[in-house]
């Protein structure tokens, strides 16, 4: 006696011409999309107000984490590379063409600029581990220099001043935040954006 096992048929849904085209296009766009770079981990304060008035595409973002470590990120790779190059020049460092290309892969500046040439010549596997940030204490000359070169780089590339965005950890005491803000105002930068999380 033989038992006949029924055959399981896998059904393929009929997408039709438009469904197939839509699937193909969405796959193409997703595979070619550029995802935003990871930013340093900062616990942002929350806010129920969401305002983007006056916020341009030319942004320099400074992050200050709970351990008082500073990071700099720009809205475009070109702007960030130019700002870091100008910062290095201020400290008497000349970066080679190869080092400038490697700078474009840097998601954000997280080390003292004087340590940057050594980091850039390191093997690729060592460069995957980013430094833990620039120790910040007021007054910080490198932070002042970063503010100056950010303006200059934005004017050189985009012909306008950048919007300075701040990502300040909510656990920072006012005794750290107030001198930080005063250092920005000392550079005659009075329009800043505080980045918060939406509730």
Foldseek 3Di string as FASTA:
>chain_A
DDDDDDDDDDDDDDLPDVRVVVVVVVVVCVVPDDDADDDDDAAFAEDADDDCPPADLWEWEWEQHPQRFIKIATSALQLQLQLLCQLCVVVVHHDDPQLSVVSSVDRIDFEDSVCSVVLSPDDPVSVVDHDHGHHDDPPDPSVLSSQVSSQVSCCVPVVGGHAYEYGYHPNHDPVRVVSVVVSNVVVVDDGHHYDGHYD
